Every structure is written in structure tokens, then in C-alpha cells.
Amino acid sequence: MKLTTTNNQTIEIELNNSPAANDLYNQLPLSIDLEDYSTNEKIFYPPNKLNTESTPKATPKIGTLAYYEPWGDVVIFYDDFRANNDLYELGHIISGEDIVSELSGTVTIETMPNQ
């Protein structure tokens, strides 16, 4: 999937083939608010909850895309974080990792032709 900011910066994310990642993919395209959370992650809330059955637990590190099930938010990590049993891995950043910490406001998330 591709995340594009209002000033046309782009982050490409490769989703895994888990049920949760597929649920997110099926909700695209989205125009959604990206929020700061803590000092290591950006979050957004997809319109619908994701199915975490058979989805692997996340090992949060720089570039990880994960789903935090209790709150129903998707997390983009730009710094390492400790493991958490409620985090499910959705994929990882393949380009644009260096701009994640600077992101804010509304972003567009859409599919990419090869996914």
C-alpha cells in the first residue's frame, strides 16, 4: 500500500498476507488523520476493525506496521518498541521510512498495483 501526505511525500508499505492485513487492504483507499502517539509511533483508526485470527504477533521495530487490537488503531513505528501481546503485524515499510516521524495531519492510503 502507499501512504501519501498532503505535500506529496510517499511511504510504501508491504503488507503481509494475514487476515488483518487483508482486512485493512480491503478498506482502501482511505483519507485519514494520522496522529502522534508516544515518541515512537504514528497511529490511525481504520473505519472497521481488523480480524486478528491467524495474524502473527508483531515484533515492533523501526518500519513495522501493526494493529493494536484493544484500541482498534493501526500503528506505524519509527523507533523500536517492546513486544506487546495485543500488537499484530500487518507489514513493514519498504521505502520512505525516514519521513515517518515527521508525518502529521491527513494522509491518503491507497493500494499499489503490485499488491
PDB file of N, CA and C in Angstrom:
ATOM      1  N   MET A   1       0.845  -1.177   0.000  1.00  0.00           N
ATOM      2  CA  MET A   1       0.000   0.000   0.000  1.00  0.00           C
ATOM      3  C   MET A   1       0.883   1.229   0.000  1.00  0.00           C
ATOM      4  N   LYS A   2       0.307   2.336  -0.355  1.00  0.00           N
ATOM      5  CA  LYS A   2       1.060   3.585  -0.450  1.00  0.00           C
ATOM      6  C   LYS A   2       0.368   4.636   0.405  1.00  0.00           C
ATOM      7  N   LEU A   3       1.152   5.313   1.242  1.00  0.00           N
ATOM      8  CA  LEU A   3       0.666   6.387   2.093  1.00  0.00           C
ATOM      9  C   LEU A   3       1.250   7.684   1.544  1.00  0.00           C
ATOM     10  N   THR A   4       0.384   8.659   1.231  1.00  0.00           N
ATOM     11  CA  THR A   4       0.821   9.923   0.649  1.00  0.00           C
ATOM     12  C   THR A   4       0.365  11.079   1.524  1.00  0.00           C
ATOM     13  N   THR A   5       1.284  11.992   1.811  1.00  0.00           N
ATOM     14  CA  THR A   5       0.979  13.157   2.629  1.00  0.00           C
ATOM     15  C   THR A   5       0.406  14.271   1.760  1.00  0.00           C
ATOM     16  N   THR A   6      -0.074  15.330   2.414  1.00  0.00           N
ATOM     17  CA  THR A   6      -0.631  16.457   1.673  1.00  0.00           C
ATOM     18  C   THR A   6       0.422  17.188   0.845  1.00  0.00           C
ATOM     19  N   ASN A   7       1.703  17.061   1.209  1.00  0.00           N
ATOM     20  CA  ASN A   7       2.755  17.689   0.393  1.00  0.00           C
ATOM     21  C   ASN A   7       3.468  16.663  -0.495  1.00  0.00           C
ATOM     22  N   ASN A   8       2.748  15.588  -0.825  1.00  0.00           N
ATOM     23  CA  ASN A   8       3.169  14.564  -1.788  1.00  0.00           C
ATOM     24  C   ASN A   8       4.399  13.751  -1.400  1.00  0.00           C
ATOM     25  N   GLN A   9       4.688  13.648  -0.122  1.00  0.00           N
ATOM     26  CA  GLN A   9       5.701  12.690   0.315  1.00  0.00           C
ATOM     27  C   GLN A   9       5.035  11.319   0.349  1.00  0.00           C
ATOM     28  N   THR A  10       5.789  10.271   0.005  1.00  0.00           N
ATOM     29  CA  THR A  10       5.202   8.940  -0.108  1.00  0.00           C
ATOM     30  C   THR A  10       5.970   7.922   0.716  1.00  0.00           C
ATOM     31  N   ILE A  11       5.214   7.045   1.352  1.00  0.00           N
ATOM     32  CA  ILE A  11       5.766   5.896   2.062  1.00  0.00           C
ATOM     33  C   ILE A  11       5.126   4.661   1.447  1.00  0.00           C
ATOM     34  N   GLU A  12       5.941   3.698   1.068  1.00  0.00           N
ATOM     35  CA  GLU A  12       5.428   2.441   0.541  1.00  0.00           C
ATOM     36  C   GLU A  12       5.538   1.380   1.614  1.00  0.00           C
ATOM     37  N   ILE A  13       4.451   0.637   1.792  1.00  0.00           N
ATOM     38  CA  ILE A  13       4.380  -0.387   2.825  1.00  0.00           C
ATOM     39  C   ILE A  13       3.975  -1.703   2.176  1.00  0.00           C
ATOM     40  N   GLU A  14       4.735  -2.747   2.482  1.00  0.00           N
ATOM     41  CA  GLU A  14       4.399  -4.084   2.004  1.00  0.00           C
ATOM     42  C   GLU A  14       3.603  -4.787   3.095  1.00  0.00           C
ATOM     43  N   LEU A  15       2.380  -5.178   2.764  1.00  0.00           N
ATOM     44  CA  LEU A  15       1.539  -5.883   3.717  1.00  0.00           C
ATOM     45  C   LEU A  15       1.863  -7.374   3.697  1.00  0.00           C
ATOM     46  N   ASN A  16       1.720  -8.019   4.859  1.00  0.00           N
ATOM     47  CA  ASN A  16       1.847  -9.472   4.860  1.00  0.00           C
ATOM     48  C   ASN A  16       0.513 -10.054   4.395  1.00  0.00           C
ATOM     49  N   ASN A  17       0.408 -11.342   4.355  1.00  0.00           N
ATOM     50  CA  ASN A  17      -0.811 -11.962   3.827  1.00  0.00           C
ATOM     51  C   ASN A  17      -1.723 -12.436   4.949  1.00  0.00           C
ATOM     52  N   SER A  18      -1.742 -11.724   6.056  1.00  0.00           N
ATOM     53  CA  SER A  18      -2.556 -12.123   7.207  1.00  0.00           C
ATOM     54  C   SER A  18      -4.003 -11.652   7.031  1.00  0.00           C
ATOM     55  N   PRO A  19      -4.933 -12.256   7.787  1.00  0.00           N
ATOM     56  CA  PRO A  19      -6.321 -11.789   7.727  1.00  0.00           C
ATOM     57  C   PRO A  19      -6.461 -10.308   8.089  1.00  0.00           C
ATOM     58  N   ALA A  20      -5.720  -9.843   9.095  1.00  0.00           N
ATOM     59  CA  ALA A  20      -5.812  -8.428   9.485  1.00  0.00           C
ATOM     60  C   ALA A  20      -5.307  -7.507   8.378  1.00  0.00           C
ATOM     61  N   ALA A  21      -4.184  -7.861   7.755  1.00  0.00           N
ATOM     62  CA  ALA A  21      -3.648  -7.047   6.657  1.00  0.00           C
ATOM     63  C   ALA A  21      -4.619  -7.035   5.473  1.00  0.00           C
ATOM     64  N   ASN A  22      -5.228  -8.167   5.199  1.00  0.00           N
ATOM     65  CA  ASN A  22      -6.211  -8.232   4.108  1.00  0.00           C
ATOM     66  C   ASN A  22      -7.433  -7.374   4.422  1.00  0.00           C
ATOM     67  N   ASP A  23      -7.872  -7.368   5.688  1.00  0.00           N
ATOM     68  CA  ASP A  23      -8.995  -6.510   6.076  1.00  0.00           C
ATOM     69  C   ASP A  23      -8.662  -5.036   5.860  1.00  0.00           C
ATOM     70  N   LEU A  24      -7.435  -4.644   6.231  1.00  0.00           N
ATOM     71  CA  LEU A  24      -7.023  -3.254   6.019  1.00  0.00           C
ATOM     72  C   LEU A  24      -6.991  -2.936   4.530  1.00  0.00           C
ATOM     73  N   TYR A  25      -6.380  -3.814   3.750  1.00  0.00           N
ATOM     74  CA  TYR A  25      -6.274  -3.624   2.308  1.00  0.00           C
ATOM     75  C   TYR A  25      -7.657  -3.431   1.675  1.00  0.00           C
ATOM     76  N   ASN A  26      -8.637  -4.210   2.141  1.00  0.00           N
ATOM     77  CA  ASN A  26      -9.986  -4.135   1.573  1.00  0.00           C
ATOM     78  C   ASN A  26     -10.723  -2.848   1.942  1.00  0.00           C
ATOM     79  N   GLN A  27     -10.190  -2.073   2.884  1.00  0.00           N
ATOM     80  CA  GLN A  27     -10.796  -0.790   3.256  1.00  0.00           C
ATOM     81  C   GLN A  27     -10.213   0.383   2.465  1.00  0.00           C
ATOM     82  N   LEU A  28      -9.191   0.117   1.673  1.00  0.00           N
ATOM     83  CA  LEU A  28      -8.533   1.171   0.906  1.00  0.00           C
ATOM     84  C   LEU A  28      -9.339   1.520  -0.327  1.00  0.00           C
ATOM     85  N   PRO A  29      -9.280   2.756  -0.801  1.00  0.00           N
ATOM     86  CA  PRO A  29      -8.460   3.875  -0.347  1.00  0.00           C
ATOM     87  C   PRO A  29      -9.090   4.574   0.861  1.00  0.00           C
ATOM     88  N   LEU A  30      -8.226   5.206   1.645  1.00  0.00           N
ATOM     89  CA  LEU A  30      -8.643   5.963   2.817  1.00  0.00           C
ATOM     90  C   LEU A  30      -7.997   7.339   2.802  1.00  0.00           C
ATOM     91  N   SER A  31      -8.726   8.330   3.233  1.00  0.00           N
ATOM     92  CA  SER A  31      -8.173   9.637   3.548  1.00  0.00           C
ATOM     93  C   SER A  31      -8.413   9.764   5.041  1.00  0.00           C
ATOM     94  N   ILE A  32      -7.319   9.790   5.816  1.00  0.00           N
ATOM     95  CA  ILE A  32      -7.450   9.582   7.251  1.00  0.00           C
ATOM     96  C   ILE A  32      -6.464  10.433   8.029  1.00  0.00           C
ATOM     97  N   ASP A  33      -6.820  10.778   9.251  1.00  0.00           N
ATOM     98  CA  ASP A  33      -5.928  11.572  10.098  1.00  0.00           C
ATOM     99  C   ASP A  33      -4.895  10.685  10.763  1.00  0.00           C
ATOM    100  N   LEU A  34      -3.655  11.083  10.661  1.00  0.00           N
ATOM    101  CA  LEU A  34      -2.534  10.392  11.289  1.00  0.00           C
ATOM    102  C   LEU A  34      -2.178  11.162  12.549  1.00  0.00           C
ATOM    103  N   GLU A  35      -2.042  10.455  13.669  1.00  0.00           N
ATOM    104  CA  GLU A  35      -1.789  11.102  14.958  1.00  0.00           C
ATOM    105  C   GLU A  35      -0.462  10.644  15.544  1.00  0.00           C
ATOM    106  N   ASP A  36       0.158  11.532  16.313  1.00  0.00           N
ATOM    107  CA  ASP A  36       1.336  11.156  17.093  1.00  0.00           C
ATOM    108  C   ASP A  36       0.869  10.364  18.297  1.00  0.00           C
ATOM    109  N   TYR A  37       1.632   9.339  18.641  1.00  0.00           N
ATOM    110  CA  TYR A  37       1.386   8.636  19.883  1.00  0.00           C
ATOM    111  C   TYR A  37       2.737   8.279  20.476  1.00  0.00           C
ATOM    112  N   SER A  38       2.962   8.685  21.692  1.00  0.00           N
ATOM    113  CA  SER A  38       4.229   8.452  22.376  1.00  0.00           C
ATOM    114  C   SER A  38       5.360   9.118  21.594  1.00  0.00           C
ATOM    115  N   THR A  39       6.546   8.552  21.674  1.00  0.00           N
ATOM    116  CA  THR A  39       7.706   9.136  20.994  1.00  0.00           C
ATOM    117  C   THR A  39       8.263   8.224  19.919  1.00  0.00           C
ATOM    118  N   ASN A  40       7.462   7.219  19.512  1.00  0.00           N
ATOM    119  CA  ASN A  40       7.998   6.230  18.582  1.00  0.00           C
ATOM    120  C   ASN A  40       7.007   5.738  17.542  1.00  0.00           C
ATOM    121  N   GLU A  41       5.823   6.314  17.484  1.00  0.00           N
ATOM    122  CA  GLU A  41       4.827   5.768  16.572  1.00  0.00           C
ATOM    123  C   GLU A  41       3.820   6.820  16.114  1.00  0.00           C
ATOM    124  N   LYS A  42       3.259   6.561  14.947  1.00  0.00           N
ATOM    125  CA  LYS A  42       2.128   7.303  14.407  1.00  0.00           C
ATOM    126  C   LYS A  42       0.972   6.312  14.350  1.00  0.00           C
ATOM    127  N   ILE A  43      -0.246   6.801  14.564  1.00  0.00           N
ATOM    128  CA  ILE A  43      -1.398   5.910  14.550  1.00  0.00           C
ATOM    129  C   ILE A  43      -2.526   6.476  13.706  1.00  0.00           C
ATOM    130  N   PHE A  44      -3.383   5.566  13.219  1.00  0.00           N
ATOM    131  CA  PHE A  44      -4.637   5.963  12.597  1.00  0.00           C
ATOM    132  C   PHE A  44      -5.671   4.876  12.860  1.00  0.00           C
ATOM    133  N   TYR A  45      -6.923   5.260  12.761  1.00  0.00           N
ATOM    134  CA  TYR A  45      -8.030   4.353  13.035  1.00  0.00           C
ATOM    135  C   TYR A  45      -8.743   4.008  11.729  1.00  0.00           C
ATOM    136  N   PRO A  46      -8.623   2.761  11.274  1.00  0.00           N
ATOM    137  CA  PRO A  46      -9.366   2.377  10.070  1.00  0.00           C
ATOM    138  C   PRO A  46     -10.868   2.376  10.381  1.00  0.00           C
ATOM    139  N   PRO A  47     -11.712   2.527   9.373  1.00  0.00           N
ATOM    140  CA  PRO A  47     -13.159   2.582   9.615  1.00  0.00           C
ATOM    141  C   PRO A  47     -13.719   1.335  10.304  1.00  0.00           C
ATOM    142  N   ASN A  48     -13.166   0.165   9.968  1.00  0.00           N
ATOM    143  CA  ASN A  48     -13.670  -1.094  10.520  1.00  0.00           C
ATOM    144  C   ASN A  48     -12.557  -1.843  11.233  1.00  0.00           C
ATOM    145  N   LYS A  49     -12.929  -2.594  12.265  1.00  0.00           N
ATOM    146  CA  LYS A  49     -11.955  -3.411  12.996  1.00  0.00           C
ATOM    147  C   LYS A  49     -11.362  -4.464  12.075  1.00  0.00           C
ATOM    148  N   LEU A  50     -10.150  -4.910  12.410  1.00  0.00           N
ATOM    149  CA  LEU A  50      -9.445  -5.917  11.616  1.00  0.00           C
ATOM    150  C   LEU A  50      -9.523  -7.269  12.311  1.00  0.00           C
ATOM    151  N   ASN A  51      -9.622  -8.334  11.537  1.00  0.00           N
ATOM    152  CA  ASN A  51      -9.679  -9.699  12.046  1.00  0.00           C
ATOM    153  C   ASN A  51      -8.267 -10.184  12.356  1.00  0.00           C
ATOM    154  N   THR A  52      -7.974 -10.405  13.626  1.00  0.00           N
ATOM    155  CA  THR A  52      -6.616 -10.793  14.021  1.00  0.00           C
ATOM    156  C   THR A  52      -6.415 -12.317  14.090  1.00  0.00           C
ATOM    157  N   GLU A  53      -7.452 -13.077  13.826  1.00  0.00           N
ATOM    158  CA  GLU A  53      -7.304 -14.538  13.842  1.00  0.00           C
ATOM    159  C   GLU A  53      -6.237 -14.956  12.828  1.00  0.00           C
ATOM    160  N   SER A  54      -5.306 -15.778  13.263  1.00  0.00           N
ATOM    161  CA  SER A  54      -4.199 -16.276  12.427  1.00  0.00           C
ATOM    162  C   SER A  54      -3.251 -15.168  11.952  1.00  0.00           C
ATOM    163  N   THR A  55      -3.297 -14.012  12.582  1.00  0.00           N
ATOM    164  CA  THR A  55      -2.371 -12.923  12.261  1.00  0.00           C
ATOM    165  C   THR A  55      -1.211 -12.993  13.247  1.00  0.00           C
ATOM    166  N   PRO A  56       0.031 -12.925  12.763  1.00  0.00           N
ATOM    167  CA  PRO A  56       1.177 -13.053  13.683  1.00  0.00           C
ATOM    168  C   PRO A  56       1.292 -11.862  14.632  1.00  0.00           C
ATOM    169  N   LYS A  57       1.820 -12.128  15.804  1.00  0.00           N
ATOM    170  CA  LYS A  57       2.122 -11.057  16.756  1.00  0.00           C
ATOM    171  C   LYS A  57       3.249 -10.209  16.181  1.00  0.00           C
ATOM    172  N   ALA A  58       3.235  -8.939  16.482  1.00  0.00           N
ATOM    173  CA  ALA A  58       4.249  -8.014  15.957  1.00  0.00           C
ATOM    174  C   ALA A  58       5.469  -7.976  16.871  1.00  0.00           C
ATOM    175  N   THR A  59       6.618  -7.837  16.249  1.00  0.00           N
ATOM    176  CA  THR A  59       7.853  -7.509  16.944  1.00  0.00           C
ATOM    177  C   THR A  59       8.158  -6.075  16.546  1.00  0.00           C
ATOM    178  N   PRO A  60       7.711  -5.117  17.347  1.00  0.00           N
ATOM    179  CA  PRO A  60       7.809  -3.718  16.941  1.00  0.00           C
ATOM    180  C   PRO A  60       9.253  -3.241  16.794  1.00  0.00           C
ATOM    181  N   LYS A  61       9.542  -2.722  15.631  1.00  0.00           N
ATOM    182  CA  LYS A  61      10.837  -2.110  15.350  1.00  0.00           C
ATOM    183  C   LYS A  61      10.614  -1.035  14.301  1.00  0.00           C
ATOM    184  N   ILE A  62      11.631  -0.289  14.013  1.00  0.00           N
ATOM    185  CA  ILE A  62      11.517   0.779  13.025  1.00  0.00           C
ATOM    186  C   ILE A  62      10.982   0.200  11.711  1.00  0.00           C
ATOM    187  N   GLY A  63       9.903   0.800  11.213  1.00  0.00           N
ATOM    188  CA  GLY A  63       9.330   0.382   9.944  1.00  0.00           C
ATOM    189  C   GLY A  63       8.202  -0.631  10.042  1.00  0.00           C
ATOM    190  N   THR A  64       7.883  -1.111  11.243  1.00  0.00           N
ATOM    191  CA  THR A  64       6.807  -2.083  11.401  1.00  0.00           C
ATOM    192  C   THR A  64       5.441  -1.402  11.326  1.00  0.00           C
ATOM    193  N   LEU A  65       4.522  -2.039  10.592  1.00  0.00           N
ATOM    194  CA  LEU A  65       3.121  -1.635  10.567  1.00  0.00           C
ATOM    195  C   LEU A  65       2.371  -2.690  11.371  1.00  0.00           C
ATOM    196  N   ALA A  66       1.636  -2.256  12.379  1.00  0.00           N
ATOM    197  CA  ALA A  66       0.956  -3.192  13.263  1.00  0.00           C
ATOM    198  C   ALA A  66      -0.446  -2.703  13.595  1.00  0.00           C
ATOM    199  N   TYR A  67      -1.229  -3.605  14.163  1.00  0.00           N
ATOM    200  CA  TYR A  67      -2.591  -3.306  14.597  1.00  0.00           C
ATOM    201  C   TYR A  67      -2.672  -3.539  16.095  1.00  0.00           C
ATOM    202  N   TYR A  68      -3.095  -2.517  16.838  1.00  0.00           N
ATOM    203  CA  TYR A  68      -3.264  -2.639  18.283  1.00  0.00           C
ATOM    204  C   TYR A  68      -4.736  -2.942  18.541  1.00  0.00           C
ATOM    205  N   GLU A  69      -5.023  -4.203  18.766  1.00  0.00           N
ATOM    206  CA  GLU A  69      -6.411  -4.669  18.822  1.00  0.00           C
ATOM    207  C   GLU A  69      -7.286  -3.998  19.884  1.00  0.00           C
ATOM    208  N   PRO A  70      -6.811  -3.774  21.113  1.00  0.00           N
ATOM    209  CA  PRO A  70      -7.722  -3.185  22.114  1.00  0.00           C
ATOM    210  C   PRO A  70      -8.293  -1.823  21.714  1.00  0.00           C
ATOM    211  N   TRP A  71      -7.528  -1.013  21.035  1.00  0.00           N
ATOM    212  CA  TRP A  71      -7.992   0.320  20.643  1.00  0.00           C
ATOM    213  C   TRP A  71      -8.469   0.377  19.195  1.00  0.00           C
ATOM    214  N   GLY A  72      -8.137  -0.653  18.398  1.00  0.00           N
ATOM    215  CA  GLY A  72      -8.555  -0.670  17.001  1.00  0.00           C
ATOM    216  C   GLY A  72      -7.781   0.287  16.125  1.00  0.00           C
ATOM    217  N   ASP A  73      -6.517   0.579  16.500  1.00  0.00           N
ATOM    218  CA  ASP A  73      -5.724   1.508  15.688  1.00  0.00           C
ATOM    219  C   ASP A  73      -4.573   0.793  14.992  1.00  0.00           C
ATOM    220  N   VAL A  74      -4.184   1.362  13.863  1.00  0.00           N
ATOM    221  CA  VAL A  74      -3.023   0.889  13.114  1.00  0.00           C
ATOM    222  C   VAL A  74      -1.844   1.762  13.518  1.00  0.00           C
ATOM    223  N   VAL A  75      -0.710   1.114  13.750  1.00  0.00           N
ATOM    224  CA  VAL A  75       0.483   1.777  14.272  1.00  0.00           C
ATOM    225  C   VAL A  75       1.608   1.684  13.243  1.00  0.00           C
ATOM    226  N   ILE A  76       2.284   2.805  13.013  1.00  0.00           N
ATOM    227  CA  ILE A  76       3.486   2.822  12.185  1.00  0.00           C
ATOM    228  C   ILE A  76       4.631   3.219  13.105  1.00  0.00           C
ATOM    229  N   PHE A  77       5.551   2.287  13.350  1.00  0.00           N
ATOM    230  CA  PHE A  77       6.659   2.552  14.264  1.00  0.00           C
ATOM    231  C   PHE A  77       7.814   3.229  13.535  1.00  0.00           C
ATOM    232  N   TYR A  78       8.324   4.315  14.133  1.00  0.00           N
ATOM    233  CA  TYR A  78       9.523   4.956  13.605  1.00  0.00           C
ATOM    234  C   TYR A  78      10.674   4.869  14.585  1.00  0.00           C
ATOM    235  N   ASP A  79      10.487   4.096  15.632  1.00  0.00           N
ATOM    236  CA  ASP A  79      11.551   3.753  16.578  1.00  0.00           C
ATOM    237  C   ASP A  79      11.170   2.419  17.201  1.00  0.00           C
ATOM    238  N   ASP A  80      12.139   1.746  17.800  1.00  0.00           N
ATOM    239  CA  ASP A  80      11.869   0.443  18.398  1.00  0.00           C
ATOM    240  C   ASP A  80      10.909   0.564  19.567  1.00  0.00           C
ATOM    241  N   PHE A  81      10.262  -0.555  19.884  1.00  0.00           N
ATOM    242  CA  PHE A  81       9.300  -0.617  20.972  1.00  0.00           C
ATOM    243  C   PHE A  81       9.328  -2.020  21.540  1.00  0.00           C
ATOM    244  N   ARG A  82       8.871  -2.175  22.757  1.00  0.00           N
ATOM    245  CA  ARG A  82       8.852  -3.501  23.364  1.00  0.00           C
ATOM    246  C   ARG A  82       7.690  -4.329  22.807  1.00  0.00           C
ATOM    247  N   ALA A  83       7.833  -5.646  22.886  1.00  0.00           N
ATOM    248  CA  ALA A  83       6.776  -6.543  22.423  1.00  0.00           C
ATOM    249  C   ALA A  83       5.522  -6.344  23.268  1.00  0.00           C
ATOM    250  N   ASN A  84       4.375  -6.585  22.663  1.00  0.00           N
ATOM    251  CA  ASN A  84       3.096  -6.434  23.335  1.00  0.00           C
ATOM    252  C   ASN A  84       2.149  -7.482  22.744  1.00  0.00           C
ATOM    253  N   ASN A  85       1.527  -8.276  23.569  1.00  0.00           N
ATOM    254  CA  ASN A  85       0.661  -9.354  23.092  1.00  0.00           C
ATOM    255  C   ASN A  85      -0.571  -8.879  22.343  1.00  0.00           C
ATOM    256  N   ASP A  86      -0.882  -7.586  22.400  1.00  0.00           N
ATOM    257  CA  ASP A  86      -2.044  -7.055  21.698  1.00  0.00           C
ATOM    258  C   ASP A  86      -1.695  -6.420  20.356  1.00  0.00           C
ATOM    259  N   LEU A  87      -0.418  -6.477  19.959  1.00  0.00           N
ATOM    260  CA  LEU A  87       0.027  -5.930  18.669  1.00  0.00           C
ATOM    261  C   LEU A  87       0.147  -7.049  17.643  1.00  0.00           C
ATOM    262  N   TYR A  88      -0.475  -6.845  16.493  1.00  0.00           N
ATOM    263  CA  TYR A  88      -0.451  -7.824  15.414  1.00  0.00           C
ATOM    264  C   TYR A  88       0.232  -7.220  14.200  1.00  0.00           C
ATOM    265  N   GLU A  89       1.136  -7.969  13.601  1.00  0.00           N
ATOM    266  CA  GLU A  89       1.907  -7.449  12.472  1.00  0.00           C
ATOM    267  C   GLU A  89       1.079  -7.444  11.189  1.00  0.00           C
ATOM    268  N   LEU A  90       1.128  -6.301  10.498  1.00  0.00           N
ATOM    269  CA  LEU A  90       0.441  -6.133   9.227  1.00  0.00           C
ATOM    270  C   LEU A  90       1.410  -6.068   8.056  1.00  0.00           C
ATOM    271  N   GLY A  91       2.636  -5.614   8.310  1.00  0.00           N
ATOM    272  CA  GLY A  91       3.611  -5.470   7.240  1.00  0.00           C
ATOM    273  C   GLY A  91       4.757  -4.591   7.685  1.00  0.00           C
ATOM    274  N   HIS A  92       5.504  -4.067   6.698  1.00  0.00           N
ATOM    275  CA  HIS A  92       6.646  -3.207   7.011  1.00  0.00           C
ATOM    276  C   HIS A  92       6.886  -2.212   5.877  1.00  0.00           C
ATOM    277  N   ILE A  93       7.527  -1.119   6.237  1.00  0.00           N
ATOM    278  CA  ILE A  93       7.842  -0.076   5.266  1.00  0.00           C
ATOM    279  C   ILE A  93       8.956  -0.557   4.340  1.00  0.00           C
ATOM    280  N   ILE A  94       8.775  -0.345   3.039  1.00  0.00           N
ATOM    281  CA  ILE A  94       9.824  -0.687   2.078  1.00  0.00           C
ATOM    282  C   ILE A  94      10.498   0.554   1.493  1.00  0.00           C
ATOM    283  N   SER A  95       9.854   1.712   1.619  1.00  0.00           N
ATOM    284  CA  SER A  95      10.519   2.970   1.255  1.00  0.00           C
ATOM    285  C   SER A  95       9.827   4.133   1.946  1.00  0.00           C
ATOM    286  N   GLY A  96      10.613   5.138   2.318  1.00  0.00           N
ATOM    287  CA  GLY A  96      10.097   6.320   2.976  1.00  0.00           C
ATOM    288  C   GLY A  96      10.143   6.261   4.489  1.00  0.00           C
ATOM    289  N   GLU A  97      10.824   5.274   5.018  1.00  0.00           N
ATOM    290  CA  GLU A  97      10.926   5.098   6.473  1.00  0.00           C
ATOM    291  C   GLU A  97      11.443   6.345   7.181  1.00  0.00           C
ATOM    292  N   ASP A  98      12.322   7.080   6.515  1.00  0.00           N
ATOM    293  CA  ASP A  98      12.965   8.244   7.134  1.00  0.00           C
ATOM    294  C   ASP A  98      12.037   9.436   7.347  1.00  0.00           C
ATOM    295  N   ILE A  99      10.840   9.435   6.756  1.00  0.00           N
ATOM    296  CA  ILE A  99       9.939  10.582   6.935  1.00  0.00           C
ATOM    297  C   ILE A  99       8.786  10.312   7.899  1.00  0.00           C
ATOM    298  N   VAL A 100       8.659   9.093   8.409  1.00  0.00           N
ATOM    299  CA  VAL A 100       7.518   8.745   9.262  1.00  0.00           C
ATOM    300  C   VAL A 100       7.417   9.645  10.484  1.00  0.00           C
ATOM    301  N   SER A 101       8.521   9.916  11.153  1.00  0.00           N
ATOM    302  CA  SER A 101       8.474  10.717  12.383  1.00  0.00           C
ATOM    303  C   SER A 101       7.959  12.134  12.138  1.00  0.00           C
ATOM    304  N   GLU A 102       8.050  12.616  10.914  1.00  0.00           N
ATOM    305  CA  GLU A 102       7.629  13.980  10.582  1.00  0.00           C
ATOM    306  C   GLU A 102       6.181  14.066  10.113  1.00  0.00           C
ATOM    307  N   LEU A 103       5.527  12.944   9.902  1.00  0.00           N
ATOM    308  CA  LEU A 103       4.175  12.946   9.363  1.00  0.00           C
ATOM    309  C   LEU A 103       3.163  13.489  10.364  1.00  0.00           C
ATOM    310  N   SER A 104       2.154  14.193   9.838  1.00  0.00           N
ATOM    311  CA  SER A 104       1.046  14.645  10.660  1.00  0.00           C
ATOM    312  C   SER A 104      -0.108  15.040   9.752  1.00  0.00           C
ATOM    313  N   GLY A 105      -1.278  15.120  10.336  1.00  0.00           N
ATOM    314  CA  GLY A 105      -2.440  15.553   9.581  1.00  0.00           C
ATOM    315  C   GLY A 105      -3.050  14.448   8.738  1.00  0.00           C
ATOM    316  N   THR A 106      -3.755  14.872   7.707  1.00  0.00           N
ATOM    317  CA  THR A 106      -4.471  13.938   6.851  1.00  0.00           C
ATOM    318  C   THR A 106      -3.542  13.331   5.805  1.00  0.00           C
ATOM    319  N   VAL A 107      -3.641  12.012   5.645  1.00  0.00           N
ATOM    320  CA  VAL A 107      -2.877  11.296   4.631  1.00  0.00           C
ATOM    321  C   VAL A 107      -3.843  10.470   3.788  1.00  0.00           C
ATOM    322  N   THR A 108      -3.395  10.127   2.604  1.00  0.00           N
ATOM    323  CA  THR A 108      -4.154   9.239   1.724  1.00  0.00           C
ATOM    324  C   THR A 108      -3.440   7.897   1.701  1.00  0.00           C
ATOM    325  N   ILE A 109      -4.203   6.839   1.911  1.00  0.00           N
ATOM    326  CA  ILE A 109      -3.644   5.492   1.873  1.00  0.00           C
ATOM    327  C   ILE A 109      -4.378   4.743   0.781  1.00  0.00           C
ATOM    328  N   GLU A 110      -3.618   4.184  -0.146  1.00  0.00           N
ATOM    329  CA  GLU A 110      -4.226   3.502  -1.288  1.00  0.00           C
ATOM    330  C   GLU A 110      -3.430   2.265  -1.667  1.00  0.00           C
ATOM    331  N   THR A 111      -4.026   1.472  -2.519  1.00  0.00           N
ATOM    332  CA  THR A 111      -3.360   0.263  -2.986  1.00  0.00           C
ATOM    333  C   THR A 111      -2.278   0.622  -3.984  1.00  0.00           C
ATOM    334  N   MET A 112      -1.348  -0.304  -4.153  1.00  0.00           N
ATOM    335  CA  MET A 112      -0.314  -0.165  -5.179  1.00  0.00           C
ATOM    336  C   MET A 112      -0.574  -1.277  -6.197  1.00  0.00           C
ATOM    337  N   PRO A 113      -0.230  -1.061  -7.443  1.00  0.00           N
ATOM    338  CA  PRO A 113      -0.537  -2.037  -8.492  1.00  0.00           C
ATOM    339  C   PRO A 113      -0.017  -3.463  -8.222  1.00  0.00           C
ATOM    340  N   ASN A 114       1.136  -3.588  -7.558  1.00  0.00           N
ATOM    341  CA  ASN A 114       1.733  -4.907  -7.387  1.00  0.00           C
ATOM    342  C   ASN A 114       1.300  -5.614  -6.103  1.00  0.00           C
ATOM    343  N   GLN A 115       0.347  -5.073  -5.387  1.00  0.00           N
ATOM    344  CA  GLN A 115      -0.102  -5.726  -4.147  1.00  0.00           C
ATOM    345  C   GLN A 115      -1.458  -6.335  -4.313  1.00  0.00           C
TER     346      GLN A 115
END
